[in-house]
Amino acid sequence: MTEVDFDRLDSYPRYKLMASLIVPRPIALVTTLGASGVANAAPFSMFNMVGEDPPILMISINRLKDGRLKDTAANILHNGEFVVHMSDEPMAQKMHDCGRSFPSDVSELSQVGLTAVPSRCVKPPRIAQSPVAFECVLHEKLETESRYVFIGRIKWLAARDGLIDTQAWRVNLREYSPVARFGASFYTRTHDRFSLNDEAQESAPVSTSIDQL
C-alpha cells in the first residue's frame, strides 16, 4: 500500500489526490444572481446531497488565489438563493464552458448559449437545457481557510418532462444520463450501469424507486 501522511502535505497535493481519487463526483451547475441583477452560472464538482429531512445539499466553493470570492459564493452570501442544475451529455460542453473566467457583469449563460428561464421560488433563473434543477435557499454555511461550504435547502424541484412519475415517485433512469467529474480534466458518462442485490431479492428494475436511489 502507498501510505500518505496528509499532515505533511501542502494544500495543492492534497487537492490533487482527493480530487482524483474521490470520483466520480456529480456536478452542480449553479446559477446565482449578482447585486446588479446579472445571472451567474458556474460548475462545481465538490457537491452532493446531504439529507432529505430537511431536504439539503451542499456545494463547496474555493476562494481565488488572491483571496477574493468567486461570483457564486459572493452572490449566495449576498442574497441567500441559488439553483443547482444537473448536466447531461447534450449540455456538457456548455456546462464546462461556464467554468471559464468572465467579468462579474457578464452572464455565462448568454456567453455559452444556455437559456435562462424564471424559477418558481427563488430569484436566480433556471437553465432550460438542464434535465433537473433544484431551487435552493441558504440553510447554513461553513467557512474554512480556503473555502465556503454552502448547505442549501431545496424549496422546489423542476425536472424534464417524462423523467419523474409523481404518482409512484419513481425516476425514469433510462432517460437520465448525467455526466460526472473524474480526475484532472476528465468527465465520465453514466450509461454503463449494473445492479447488485441480495440473493433473496429479485433484480431491481431500471426505473428505480426514489427510496432506493
N, C-alpha and C. Protein backbone atom coordinates (compact mmCIF):
# COMPACT_ATOMS: atom_id res chain seq x y z
N MET A 1 0.83 -1.20 0.00
CA MET A 1 0.00 0.00 0.00
C MET A 1 0.87 1.26 0.00
N THR A 2 0.45 2.25 -0.74
CA THR A 2 1.10 3.56 -0.69
C THR A 2 0.48 4.36 0.45
N GLU A 3 1.31 4.75 1.40
CA GLU A 3 0.83 5.47 2.58
C GLU A 3 1.20 6.94 2.46
N VAL A 4 0.25 7.81 2.76
CA VAL A 4 0.47 9.26 2.64
C VAL A 4 0.01 9.95 3.91
N ASP A 5 0.90 10.70 4.54
CA ASP A 5 0.58 11.48 5.73
C ASP A 5 0.09 12.85 5.28
N PHE A 6 -1.22 13.07 5.34
CA PHE A 6 -1.78 14.33 4.86
C PHE A 6 -1.30 15.53 5.67
N ASP A 7 -0.94 15.32 6.92
CA ASP A 7 -0.46 16.43 7.74
C ASP A 7 0.87 16.98 7.23
N ARG A 8 1.60 16.19 6.42
CA ARG A 8 2.89 16.63 5.89
C ARG A 8 2.78 17.20 4.48
N LEU A 9 1.56 17.23 3.93
CA LEU A 9 1.37 17.72 2.56
C LEU A 9 0.87 19.15 2.57
N ASP A 10 1.28 19.91 1.55
CA ASP A 10 0.68 21.21 1.32
C ASP A 10 -0.71 21.02 0.72
N SER A 11 -1.46 22.12 0.63
CA SER A 11 -2.85 22.03 0.18
C SER A 11 -2.97 21.56 -1.27
N TYR A 12 -2.02 21.96 -2.15
CA TYR A 12 -2.17 21.60 -3.56
C TYR A 12 -2.06 20.10 -3.80
N PRO A 13 -1.03 19.39 -3.29
CA PRO A 13 -1.03 17.94 -3.49
C PRO A 13 -2.20 17.24 -2.79
N ARG A 14 -2.66 17.79 -1.66
CA ARG A 14 -3.85 17.21 -1.03
C ARG A 14 -5.04 17.31 -1.97
N TYR A 15 -5.20 18.49 -2.58
CA TYR A 15 -6.31 18.68 -3.51
C TYR A 15 -6.19 17.72 -4.70
N LYS A 16 -4.99 17.61 -5.29
CA LYS A 16 -4.82 16.75 -6.45
C LYS A 16 -5.17 15.30 -6.12
N LEU A 17 -4.74 14.82 -4.97
CA LEU A 17 -5.04 13.44 -4.59
C LEU A 17 -6.52 13.24 -4.33
N MET A 18 -7.12 14.13 -3.56
CA MET A 18 -8.53 13.97 -3.22
C MET A 18 -9.42 14.10 -4.45
N ALA A 19 -9.13 15.09 -5.30
CA ALA A 19 -9.98 15.34 -6.46
C ALA A 19 -9.86 14.25 -7.52
N SER A 20 -8.74 13.51 -7.52
CA SER A 20 -8.56 12.44 -8.50
C SER A 20 -8.94 11.07 -7.96
N LEU A 21 -9.09 10.94 -6.65
CA LEU A 21 -9.42 9.65 -6.06
C LEU A 21 -10.88 9.56 -5.61
N ILE A 22 -11.45 10.66 -5.16
CA ILE A 22 -12.85 10.64 -4.74
C ILE A 22 -13.69 10.95 -5.97
N VAL A 23 -13.89 9.94 -6.78
CA VAL A 23 -14.55 10.08 -8.09
C VAL A 23 -15.45 8.87 -8.33
N PRO A 24 -16.39 8.95 -9.25
CA PRO A 24 -16.82 10.17 -9.95
C PRO A 24 -17.66 11.04 -9.03
N ARG A 25 -17.64 12.34 -9.30
CA ARG A 25 -18.41 13.27 -8.49
C ARG A 25 -19.50 13.91 -9.33
N PRO A 26 -20.72 14.02 -8.80
CA PRO A 26 -21.75 14.75 -9.54
C PRO A 26 -21.36 16.21 -9.66
N ILE A 27 -21.89 16.85 -10.67
CA ILE A 27 -21.54 18.25 -10.95
C ILE A 27 -22.76 19.13 -10.73
N ALA A 28 -22.59 20.17 -9.94
CA ALA A 28 -23.63 21.17 -9.76
C ALA A 28 -23.32 22.35 -10.67
N LEU A 29 -24.20 22.62 -11.61
CA LEU A 29 -24.11 23.85 -12.38
C LEU A 29 -25.01 24.85 -11.67
N VAL A 30 -24.42 25.82 -11.00
CA VAL A 30 -25.13 26.68 -10.06
C VAL A 30 -25.39 28.05 -10.68
N THR A 31 -26.65 28.47 -10.66
CA THR A 31 -26.97 29.83 -11.06
C THR A 31 -27.26 30.67 -9.82
N THR A 32 -26.75 31.89 -9.84
CA THR A 32 -26.99 32.86 -8.78
C THR A 32 -27.27 34.20 -9.44
N LEU A 33 -27.66 35.17 -8.62
CA LEU A 33 -27.96 36.49 -9.13
C LEU A 33 -27.07 37.51 -8.44
N GLY A 34 -26.32 38.29 -9.24
CA GLY A 34 -25.46 39.31 -8.69
C GLY A 34 -26.24 40.52 -8.20
N ALA A 35 -25.56 41.39 -7.47
CA ALA A 35 -26.22 42.58 -6.93
C ALA A 35 -26.76 43.47 -8.04
N SER A 36 -26.14 43.43 -9.22
CA SER A 36 -26.59 44.24 -10.34
C SER A 36 -27.68 43.57 -11.16
N GLY A 37 -28.06 42.34 -10.77
CA GLY A 37 -29.10 41.62 -11.48
C GLY A 37 -28.61 40.70 -12.56
N VAL A 38 -27.29 40.56 -12.73
CA VAL A 38 -26.73 39.68 -13.75
C VAL A 38 -26.75 38.23 -13.25
N ALA A 39 -27.24 37.33 -14.08
CA ALA A 39 -27.28 35.91 -13.72
C ALA A 39 -25.91 35.28 -13.95
N ASN A 40 -25.38 34.65 -12.92
CA ASN A 40 -24.10 33.97 -12.99
C ASN A 40 -24.34 32.46 -13.03
N ALA A 41 -23.48 31.74 -13.74
CA ALA A 41 -23.56 30.27 -13.77
C ALA A 41 -22.15 29.70 -13.70
N ALA A 42 -21.95 28.71 -12.82
CA ALA A 42 -20.63 28.10 -12.68
C ALA A 42 -20.78 26.66 -12.22
N PRO A 43 -19.90 25.76 -12.72
CA PRO A 43 -19.96 24.36 -12.32
C PRO A 43 -19.05 24.07 -11.12
N PHE A 44 -19.53 23.17 -10.24
CA PHE A 44 -18.76 22.76 -9.06
C PHE A 44 -18.96 21.26 -8.86
N SER A 45 -17.84 20.53 -8.74
CA SER A 45 -17.94 19.09 -8.53
C SER A 45 -17.74 18.68 -7.08
N MET A 46 -17.41 19.62 -6.21
CA MET A 46 -17.45 19.33 -4.78
C MET A 46 -18.88 19.62 -4.33
N PHE A 47 -19.74 18.65 -4.59
CA PHE A 47 -21.18 18.83 -4.46
C PHE A 47 -21.83 17.48 -4.21
N ASN A 48 -22.88 17.47 -3.39
CA ASN A 48 -23.65 16.25 -3.20
C ASN A 48 -24.87 16.53 -2.34
N MET A 49 -25.76 15.54 -2.24
CA MET A 49 -26.89 15.64 -1.32
C MET A 49 -26.40 15.37 0.09
N VAL A 50 -27.10 15.94 1.06
CA VAL A 50 -26.73 15.75 2.46
C VAL A 50 -27.83 15.02 3.23
N GLY A 51 -29.07 15.33 2.96
CA GLY A 51 -30.17 14.66 3.66
C GLY A 51 -31.50 15.08 3.08
N GLU A 52 -32.57 14.35 3.51
CA GLU A 52 -33.89 14.60 2.95
C GLU A 52 -34.85 15.24 3.95
N ASP A 53 -34.50 15.32 5.20
CA ASP A 53 -35.42 15.88 6.20
C ASP A 53 -34.65 16.72 7.22
N PRO A 54 -34.36 17.99 6.89
CA PRO A 54 -34.84 18.74 5.73
C PRO A 54 -34.10 18.35 4.46
N PRO A 55 -34.66 18.68 3.30
CA PRO A 55 -34.00 18.34 2.03
C PRO A 55 -32.85 19.30 1.76
N ILE A 56 -31.63 18.85 1.98
CA ILE A 56 -30.48 19.73 1.87
C ILE A 56 -29.39 19.11 1.00
N LEU A 57 -28.65 19.98 0.34
CA LEU A 57 -27.50 19.59 -0.46
C LEU A 57 -26.36 20.56 -0.15
N MET A 58 -25.16 20.22 -0.59
CA MET A 58 -24.03 21.09 -0.29
C MET A 58 -23.20 21.32 -1.54
N ILE A 59 -22.65 22.54 -1.62
CA ILE A 59 -21.64 22.84 -2.62
C ILE A 59 -20.47 23.52 -1.91
N SER A 60 -19.27 23.17 -2.31
CA SER A 60 -18.05 23.72 -1.71
C SER A 60 -17.34 24.56 -2.75
N ILE A 61 -17.10 25.84 -2.42
CA ILE A 61 -16.56 26.79 -3.39
C ILE A 61 -15.26 27.38 -2.86
N ASN A 62 -14.19 27.20 -3.61
CA ASN A 62 -12.88 27.67 -3.17
C ASN A 62 -12.74 29.18 -3.40
N ARG A 63 -11.87 29.79 -2.61
CA ARG A 63 -11.50 31.18 -2.84
C ARG A 63 -10.51 31.25 -4.01
N LEU A 64 -10.43 32.41 -4.63
CA LEU A 64 -9.43 32.62 -5.66
C LEU A 64 -8.05 32.79 -5.02
N LYS A 65 -7.00 32.75 -5.84
CA LYS A 65 -5.64 32.77 -5.31
C LYS A 65 -5.34 34.03 -4.51
N ASP A 66 -5.98 35.14 -4.87
CA ASP A 66 -5.74 36.39 -4.13
C ASP A 66 -6.68 36.54 -2.94
N GLY A 67 -7.45 35.49 -2.65
CA GLY A 67 -8.35 35.53 -1.50
C GLY A 67 -9.75 36.02 -1.82
N ARG A 68 -9.96 36.56 -3.03
CA ARG A 68 -11.29 37.04 -3.39
C ARG A 68 -12.26 35.87 -3.54
N LEU A 69 -13.54 36.20 -3.40
CA LEU A 69 -14.58 35.20 -3.57
C LEU A 69 -14.96 35.05 -5.03
N LYS A 70 -15.28 33.84 -5.43
CA LYS A 70 -15.88 33.64 -6.73
C LYS A 70 -17.28 34.26 -6.73
N ASP A 71 -17.76 34.61 -7.93
CA ASP A 71 -19.06 35.27 -8.03
C ASP A 71 -20.17 34.45 -7.38
N THR A 72 -20.14 33.14 -7.56
CA THR A 72 -21.19 32.30 -7.00
C THR A 72 -21.23 32.43 -5.48
N ALA A 73 -20.07 32.35 -4.84
CA ALA A 73 -20.03 32.46 -3.38
C ALA A 73 -20.47 33.85 -2.92
N ALA A 74 -19.98 34.88 -3.60
CA ALA A 74 -20.35 36.24 -3.22
C ALA A 74 -21.85 36.46 -3.36
N ASN A 75 -22.43 35.92 -4.42
CA ASN A 75 -23.86 36.11 -4.64
C ASN A 75 -24.70 35.36 -3.61
N ILE A 76 -24.30 34.15 -3.26
CA ILE A 76 -25.04 33.39 -2.24
C ILE A 76 -24.97 34.11 -0.89
N LEU A 77 -23.80 34.62 -0.55
CA LEU A 77 -23.67 35.36 0.70
C LEU A 77 -24.52 36.63 0.68
N HIS A 78 -24.68 37.22 -0.49
CA HIS A 78 -25.42 38.48 -0.62
C HIS A 78 -26.93 38.28 -0.49
N ASN A 79 -27.47 37.26 -1.18
CA ASN A 79 -28.93 37.13 -1.19
C ASN A 79 -29.46 35.77 -0.75
N GLY A 80 -28.58 34.80 -0.50
CA GLY A 80 -29.00 33.53 0.08
C GLY A 80 -29.84 32.64 -0.81
N GLU A 81 -29.73 32.80 -2.14
CA GLU A 81 -30.50 31.98 -3.06
C GLU A 81 -29.63 31.45 -4.19
N PHE A 82 -29.92 30.23 -4.63
CA PHE A 82 -29.20 29.67 -5.77
C PHE A 82 -29.98 28.49 -6.33
N VAL A 83 -29.68 28.13 -7.57
CA VAL A 83 -30.30 26.98 -8.22
C VAL A 83 -29.21 26.02 -8.66
N VAL A 84 -29.35 24.76 -8.27
CA VAL A 84 -28.39 23.71 -8.63
C VAL A 84 -28.98 22.87 -9.76
N HIS A 85 -28.24 22.80 -10.86
CA HIS A 85 -28.67 22.03 -12.03
C HIS A 85 -27.78 20.82 -12.22
N MET A 86 -28.38 19.72 -12.66
CA MET A 86 -27.63 18.58 -13.12
C MET A 86 -27.40 18.74 -14.62
N SER A 87 -26.26 18.24 -15.11
CA SER A 87 -25.90 18.38 -16.52
C SER A 87 -25.85 17.01 -17.17
N ASP A 88 -26.43 16.89 -18.36
CA ASP A 88 -26.32 15.65 -19.11
C ASP A 88 -25.40 15.88 -20.31
N GLU A 89 -25.22 14.83 -21.12
CA GLU A 89 -24.24 14.91 -22.20
C GLU A 89 -24.52 16.01 -23.23
N PRO A 90 -25.79 16.22 -23.64
CA PRO A 90 -26.01 17.26 -24.64
C PRO A 90 -25.58 18.66 -24.19
N MET A 91 -25.57 18.92 -22.89
CA MET A 91 -25.19 20.26 -22.42
C MET A 91 -23.84 20.26 -21.72
N ALA A 92 -23.10 19.15 -21.79
CA ALA A 92 -21.86 19.01 -21.03
C ALA A 92 -20.82 20.06 -21.42
N GLN A 93 -20.64 20.30 -22.70
CA GLN A 93 -19.63 21.27 -23.12
C GLN A 93 -19.99 22.67 -22.65
N LYS A 94 -21.25 23.02 -22.72
CA LYS A 94 -21.67 24.36 -22.27
C LYS A 94 -21.53 24.49 -20.76
N MET A 95 -21.83 23.41 -20.04
CA MET A 95 -21.59 23.41 -18.60
C MET A 95 -20.12 23.66 -18.31
N HIS A 96 -19.25 22.96 -19.01
CA HIS A 96 -17.81 23.11 -18.82
C HIS A 96 -17.37 24.54 -19.15
N ASP A 97 -17.92 25.10 -20.20
CA ASP A 97 -17.55 26.45 -20.61
C ASP A 97 -17.96 27.50 -19.58
N CYS A 98 -18.98 27.20 -18.79
CA CYS A 98 -19.38 28.15 -17.74
C CYS A 98 -18.30 28.30 -16.67
N GLY A 99 -17.33 27.40 -16.65
CA GLY A 99 -16.23 27.50 -15.69
C GLY A 99 -15.15 28.46 -16.11
N ARG A 100 -15.24 29.01 -17.32
CA ARG A 100 -14.25 30.00 -17.75
C ARG A 100 -14.44 31.30 -16.98
N SER A 101 -13.40 32.10 -16.96
CA SER A 101 -13.43 33.36 -16.22
C SER A 101 -14.10 34.46 -17.04
N PHE A 102 -15.25 34.91 -16.56
CA PHE A 102 -15.96 36.02 -17.18
C PHE A 102 -16.06 37.17 -16.17
N PRO A 103 -16.13 38.42 -16.63
CA PRO A 103 -16.37 39.53 -15.70
C PRO A 103 -17.70 39.35 -14.97
N SER A 104 -17.79 39.92 -13.77
CA SER A 104 -18.99 39.76 -12.96
C SER A 104 -20.23 40.33 -13.61
N ASP A 105 -20.05 41.30 -14.50
CA ASP A 105 -21.20 41.92 -15.15
C ASP A 105 -21.58 41.25 -16.46
N VAL A 106 -21.00 40.08 -16.72
CA VAL A 106 -21.30 39.30 -17.92
C VAL A 106 -21.90 37.97 -17.50
N SER A 107 -23.03 37.60 -18.06
CA SER A 107 -23.67 36.33 -17.73
C SER A 107 -23.06 35.20 -18.54
N GLU A 108 -22.61 34.17 -17.85
CA GLU A 108 -22.09 32.99 -18.54
C GLU A 108 -23.16 32.34 -19.42
N LEU A 109 -24.41 32.43 -19.01
CA LEU A 109 -25.48 31.77 -19.76
C LEU A 109 -25.55 32.28 -21.19
N SER A 110 -25.53 33.58 -21.36
CA SER A 110 -25.61 34.14 -22.71
C SER A 110 -24.32 33.88 -23.49
N GLN A 111 -23.19 33.83 -22.79
CA GLN A 111 -21.92 33.64 -23.48
C GLN A 111 -21.75 32.23 -24.03
N VAL A 112 -22.28 31.24 -23.32
CA VAL A 112 -22.09 29.85 -23.76
C VAL A 112 -23.30 29.30 -24.51
N GLY A 113 -24.40 30.04 -24.54
CA GLY A 113 -25.57 29.59 -25.29
C GLY A 113 -26.58 28.79 -24.50
N LEU A 114 -26.65 29.01 -23.18
CA LEU A 114 -27.68 28.39 -22.36
C LEU A 114 -28.82 29.38 -22.14
N THR A 115 -30.02 28.86 -21.93
CA THR A 115 -31.22 29.69 -21.86
C THR A 115 -31.71 29.82 -20.43
N ALA A 116 -31.83 31.06 -19.95
CA ALA A 116 -32.36 31.32 -18.62
C ALA A 116 -33.88 31.40 -18.67
N VAL A 117 -34.52 30.71 -17.71
CA VAL A 117 -35.98 30.78 -17.56
C VAL A 117 -36.28 31.08 -16.10
N PRO A 118 -37.44 31.70 -15.81
CA PRO A 118 -37.73 32.06 -14.42
C PRO A 118 -37.85 30.84 -13.51
N SER A 119 -37.34 30.99 -12.29
CA SER A 119 -37.53 29.96 -11.27
C SER A 119 -38.89 30.15 -10.60
N ARG A 120 -39.28 29.19 -9.79
CA ARG A 120 -40.59 29.23 -9.14
C ARG A 120 -40.52 29.91 -7.77
N CYS A 121 -39.44 29.62 -7.00
CA CYS A 121 -39.40 30.06 -5.61
C CYS A 121 -38.26 31.03 -5.30
N VAL A 122 -37.29 31.15 -6.19
CA VAL A 122 -36.12 31.99 -5.93
C VAL A 122 -35.90 32.91 -7.13
N LYS A 123 -35.08 33.94 -6.92
CA LYS A 123 -34.84 34.92 -7.98
C LYS A 123 -33.83 34.46 -9.04
N PRO A 124 -32.77 33.73 -8.68
CA PRO A 124 -31.87 33.25 -9.74
C PRO A 124 -32.62 32.37 -10.73
N PRO A 125 -32.29 32.46 -12.01
CA PRO A 125 -33.04 31.71 -13.02
C PRO A 125 -32.64 30.25 -13.06
N ARG A 126 -33.52 29.46 -13.66
CA ARG A 126 -33.20 28.09 -14.01
C ARG A 126 -32.64 28.07 -15.43
N ILE A 127 -32.01 26.95 -15.78
CA ILE A 127 -31.45 26.75 -17.11
C ILE A 127 -32.37 25.79 -17.86
N ALA A 128 -32.90 26.24 -18.98
CA ALA A 128 -33.89 25.46 -19.72
C ALA A 128 -33.34 24.12 -20.18
N GLN A 129 -32.07 24.06 -20.55
CA GLN A 129 -31.50 22.83 -21.12
C GLN A 129 -31.20 21.77 -20.07
N SER A 130 -31.22 22.10 -18.80
CA SER A 130 -30.86 21.15 -17.76
C SER A 130 -32.00 20.16 -17.51
N PRO A 131 -31.68 18.86 -17.31
CA PRO A 131 -32.74 17.89 -17.04
C PRO A 131 -33.33 18.04 -15.64
N VAL A 132 -32.57 18.60 -14.70
CA VAL A 132 -33.02 18.70 -13.31
C VAL A 132 -32.51 20.01 -12.72
N ALA A 133 -33.38 20.69 -11.98
CA ALA A 133 -32.99 21.92 -11.29
C ALA A 133 -33.56 21.91 -9.88
N PHE A 134 -32.72 22.19 -8.90
CA PHE A 134 -33.13 22.30 -7.51
C PHE A 134 -33.04 23.77 -7.09
N GLU A 135 -34.17 24.38 -6.79
CA GLU A 135 -34.17 25.76 -6.32
C GLU A 135 -33.91 25.74 -4.81
N CYS A 136 -32.90 26.48 -4.38
CA CYS A 136 -32.42 26.39 -3.01
C CYS A 136 -32.34 27.76 -2.33
N VAL A 137 -32.52 27.74 -1.01
CA VAL A 137 -32.19 28.88 -0.17
C VAL A 137 -31.08 28.45 0.78
N LEU A 138 -30.28 29.39 1.20
CA LEU A 138 -29.14 29.07 2.08
C LEU A 138 -29.65 28.62 3.44
N HIS A 139 -29.28 27.41 3.81
CA HIS A 139 -29.69 26.81 5.09
C HIS A 139 -28.62 27.03 6.15
N GLU A 140 -27.37 26.87 5.74
CA GLU A 140 -26.24 27.01 6.67
C GLU A 140 -24.96 27.15 5.85
N LYS A 141 -23.93 27.71 6.45
CA LYS A 141 -22.65 27.82 5.74
C LYS A 141 -21.51 27.50 6.69
N LEU A 142 -20.43 27.02 6.12
CA LEU A 142 -19.20 26.73 6.85
C LEU A 142 -18.05 27.40 6.12
N GLU A 143 -17.23 28.14 6.85
CA GLU A 143 -16.10 28.83 6.23
C GLU A 143 -14.80 28.22 6.73
N THR A 144 -13.93 27.86 5.78
CA THR A 144 -12.60 27.38 6.11
C THR A 144 -11.58 28.38 5.56
N GLU A 145 -10.30 28.09 5.74
CA GLU A 145 -9.28 29.00 5.23
C GLU A 145 -9.33 29.13 3.71
N SER A 146 -9.76 28.08 3.04
CA SER A 146 -9.71 28.08 1.57
C SER A 146 -11.07 28.09 0.90
N ARG A 147 -12.16 27.87 1.65
CA ARG A 147 -13.44 27.61 1.02
C ARG A 147 -14.62 28.11 1.84
N TYR A 148 -15.74 28.24 1.13
CA TYR A 148 -17.06 28.31 1.74
C TYR A 148 -17.79 27.02 1.38
N VAL A 149 -18.40 26.40 2.36
CA VAL A 149 -19.27 25.26 2.12
C VAL A 149 -20.70 25.73 2.39
N PHE A 150 -21.52 25.71 1.35
CA PHE A 150 -22.89 26.19 1.46
C PHE A 150 -23.84 25.00 1.53
N ILE A 151 -24.68 24.98 2.54
CA ILE A 151 -25.75 23.99 2.66
C ILE A 151 -27.03 24.65 2.16
N GLY A 152 -27.58 24.11 1.10
CA GLY A 152 -28.79 24.67 0.53
C GLY A 152 -30.00 23.83 0.86
N ARG A 153 -31.08 24.50 1.23
CA ARG A 153 -32.35 23.80 1.47
C ARG A 153 -33.18 23.86 0.20
N ILE A 154 -33.56 22.71 -0.30
CA ILE A 154 -34.30 22.64 -1.56
C ILE A 154 -35.75 23.05 -1.31
N LYS A 155 -36.17 24.06 -2.06
CA LYS A 155 -37.55 24.53 -1.97
C LYS A 155 -38.41 24.02 -3.13
N TRP A 156 -37.79 23.74 -4.25
CA TRP A 156 -38.56 23.37 -5.44
C TRP A 156 -37.69 22.53 -6.36
N LEU A 157 -38.28 21.55 -6.99
CA LEU A 157 -37.61 20.70 -7.97
C LEU A 157 -38.32 20.83 -9.31
N ALA A 158 -37.56 21.05 -10.35
CA ALA A 158 -38.10 21.05 -11.71
C ALA A 158 -37.33 20.02 -12.52
N ALA A 159 -38.03 19.14 -13.22
CA ALA A 159 -37.39 18.08 -13.99
C ALA A 159 -37.99 18.03 -15.39
N ARG A 160 -37.19 17.58 -16.32
CA ARG A 160 -37.62 17.43 -17.71
C ARG A 160 -38.84 16.52 -17.79
N ASP A 161 -39.76 16.86 -18.68
CA ASP A 161 -40.97 16.05 -18.86
C ASP A 161 -40.61 14.59 -19.11
N GLY A 162 -41.32 13.70 -18.41
CA GLY A 162 -41.11 12.27 -18.57
C GLY A 162 -40.05 11.68 -17.67
N LEU A 163 -39.36 12.51 -16.92
CA LEU A 163 -38.28 12.00 -16.08
C LEU A 163 -38.77 11.47 -14.73
N ILE A 164 -39.83 12.09 -14.19
CA ILE A 164 -40.33 11.71 -12.87
C ILE A 164 -41.80 11.32 -12.96
N ASP A 165 -42.14 10.19 -12.35
CA ASP A 165 -43.53 9.77 -12.17
C ASP A 165 -43.96 10.27 -10.80
N THR A 166 -44.78 11.32 -10.75
CA THR A 166 -45.16 11.92 -9.48
C THR A 166 -46.30 11.19 -8.79
N GLN A 167 -46.77 10.10 -9.36
CA GLN A 167 -47.74 9.24 -8.67
C GLN A 167 -47.01 8.16 -7.88
N ALA A 168 -46.07 7.49 -8.52
CA ALA A 168 -45.30 6.42 -7.85
C ALA A 168 -44.01 6.95 -7.26
N TRP A 169 -43.64 8.22 -7.56
CA TRP A 169 -42.37 8.81 -7.12
C TRP A 169 -41.19 7.97 -7.58
N ARG A 170 -41.20 7.70 -8.87
CA ARG A 170 -40.10 6.98 -9.48
C ARG A 170 -39.42 7.86 -10.52
N VAL A 171 -38.11 7.65 -10.65
CA VAL A 171 -37.33 8.35 -11.66
C VAL A 171 -37.08 7.39 -12.82
N ASN A 172 -37.33 7.83 -14.03
CA ASN A 172 -37.08 7.02 -15.21
C ASN A 172 -35.60 7.10 -15.55
N LEU A 173 -34.83 6.19 -14.99
CA LEU A 173 -33.38 6.24 -15.14
C LEU A 173 -32.93 5.96 -16.56
N ARG A 174 -33.78 5.34 -17.37
CA ARG A 174 -33.42 5.14 -18.79
C ARG A 174 -33.28 6.48 -19.51
N GLU A 175 -33.99 7.47 -19.03
CA GLU A 175 -33.98 8.79 -19.68
C GLU A 175 -33.08 9.79 -18.96
N TYR A 176 -32.30 9.31 -17.98
CA TYR A 176 -31.49 10.22 -17.17
C TYR A 176 -30.04 9.78 -17.22
N SER A 177 -29.20 10.59 -17.85
CA SER A 177 -27.79 10.25 -18.02
C SER A 177 -26.91 11.46 -17.68
N PRO A 178 -26.85 11.85 -16.41
CA PRO A 178 -25.99 12.97 -16.05
C PRO A 178 -24.52 12.62 -16.23
N VAL A 179 -23.72 13.63 -16.49
CA VAL A 179 -22.27 13.43 -16.53
C VAL A 179 -21.70 13.68 -15.14
N ALA A 180 -20.51 13.15 -14.90
CA ALA A 180 -19.85 13.30 -13.61
C ALA A 180 -18.40 13.70 -13.83
N ARG A 181 -17.79 14.26 -12.81
CA ARG A 181 -16.39 14.68 -12.89
C ARG A 181 -15.48 13.55 -12.47
N PHE A 182 -14.46 13.29 -13.29
CA PHE A 182 -13.44 12.31 -12.95
C PHE A 182 -12.17 13.10 -12.62
N GLY A 183 -11.03 12.44 -12.53
CA GLY A 183 -9.81 13.14 -12.17
C GLY A 183 -9.34 14.10 -13.24
N ALA A 184 -8.56 15.11 -12.83
CA ALA A 184 -7.99 16.11 -13.74
C ALA A 184 -9.10 16.76 -14.55
N SER A 185 -8.95 16.80 -15.88
CA SER A 185 -9.96 17.45 -16.72
C SER A 185 -10.92 16.44 -17.35
N PHE A 186 -10.98 15.23 -16.81
CA PHE A 186 -11.79 14.18 -17.39
C PHE A 186 -13.19 14.15 -16.78
N TYR A 187 -14.15 13.79 -17.63
CA TYR A 187 -15.53 13.57 -17.21
C TYR A 187 -15.89 12.12 -17.51
N THR A 188 -17.00 11.67 -16.94
CA THR A 188 -17.43 10.30 -17.20
C THR A 188 -18.92 10.27 -17.50
N ARG A 189 -19.32 9.31 -18.33
CA ARG A 189 -20.73 9.10 -18.65
C ARG A 189 -21.36 8.15 -17.64
N THR A 190 -22.68 8.06 -17.69
CA THR A 190 -23.38 7.19 -16.73
C THR A 190 -24.29 6.19 -17.44
N HIS A 191 -23.90 5.77 -18.64
CA HIS A 191 -24.71 4.80 -19.38
C HIS A 191 -24.47 3.37 -18.91
N ASP A 192 -23.25 3.03 -18.55
CA ASP A 192 -22.89 1.66 -18.20
C ASP A 192 -23.22 1.43 -16.74
N ARG A 193 -24.30 0.72 -16.46
CA ARG A 193 -24.79 0.55 -15.10
C ARG A 193 -24.99 -0.92 -14.78
N PHE A 194 -24.90 -1.26 -13.52
CA PHE A 194 -25.18 -2.63 -13.11
C PHE A 194 -25.82 -2.60 -11.74
N SER A 195 -26.52 -3.68 -11.42
CA SER A 195 -27.26 -3.76 -10.17
C SER A 195 -26.67 -4.83 -9.28
N LEU A 196 -26.56 -4.55 -8.00
CA LEU A 196 -26.14 -5.52 -7.00
C LEU A 196 -27.28 -5.72 -6.01
N ASN A 197 -27.67 -6.96 -5.83
CA ASN A 197 -28.82 -7.25 -4.97
C ASN A 197 -28.51 -8.39 -4.02
N ASP A 198 -29.25 -8.44 -2.91
CA ASP A 198 -29.19 -9.61 -2.04
C ASP A 198 -29.73 -10.81 -2.81
N GLU A 199 -29.23 -12.01 -2.47
CA GLU A 199 -29.64 -13.20 -3.21
C GLU A 199 -31.14 -13.44 -3.11
N ALA A 200 -31.73 -13.02 -2.01
CA ALA A 200 -33.16 -13.28 -1.81
C ALA A 200 -34.04 -12.29 -2.57
N GLN A 201 -33.43 -11.26 -3.14
CA GLN A 201 -34.21 -10.24 -3.81
C GLN A 201 -34.17 -10.45 -5.32
N GLU A 202 -35.22 -10.01 -5.95
CA GLU A 202 -35.24 -10.03 -7.41
C GLU A 202 -34.42 -8.87 -7.93
N SER A 203 -33.99 -8.97 -9.16
CA SER A 203 -33.22 -7.88 -9.75
C SER A 203 -34.05 -6.62 -9.79
N ALA A 204 -33.43 -5.51 -9.44
CA ALA A 204 -34.14 -4.24 -9.42
C ALA A 204 -34.40 -3.78 -10.84
N PRO A 205 -35.57 -3.17 -11.10
CA PRO A 205 -35.85 -2.64 -12.43
C PRO A 205 -34.98 -1.44 -12.71
N VAL A 206 -34.83 -1.10 -13.97
CA VAL A 206 -34.02 0.06 -14.33
C VAL A 206 -34.64 1.34 -13.80
N SER A 207 -36.00 1.42 -13.84
CA SER A 207 -36.68 2.56 -13.26
C SER A 207 -36.82 2.32 -11.77
N THR A 208 -36.00 3.00 -10.98
CA THR A 208 -35.86 2.68 -9.56
C THR A 208 -36.63 3.65 -8.70
N SER A 209 -37.22 3.14 -7.63
CA SER A 209 -37.93 4.00 -6.70
C SER A 209 -36.99 5.02 -6.10
N ILE A 210 -37.50 6.23 -5.87
CA ILE A 210 -36.67 7.27 -5.25
C ILE A 210 -36.13 6.78 -3.91
N ASP A 211 -36.90 5.98 -3.17
CA ASP A 211 -36.44 5.49 -1.88
C ASP A 211 -35.23 4.59 -2.01
N GLN A 212 -35.02 4.00 -3.19
CA GLN A 212 -33.94 3.04 -3.38
C GLN A 212 -32.70 3.65 -3.98
N LEU A 213 -32.77 4.92 -4.38
CA LEU A 213 -31.62 5.54 -5.04
C LEU A 213 -30.53 5.84 -4.03
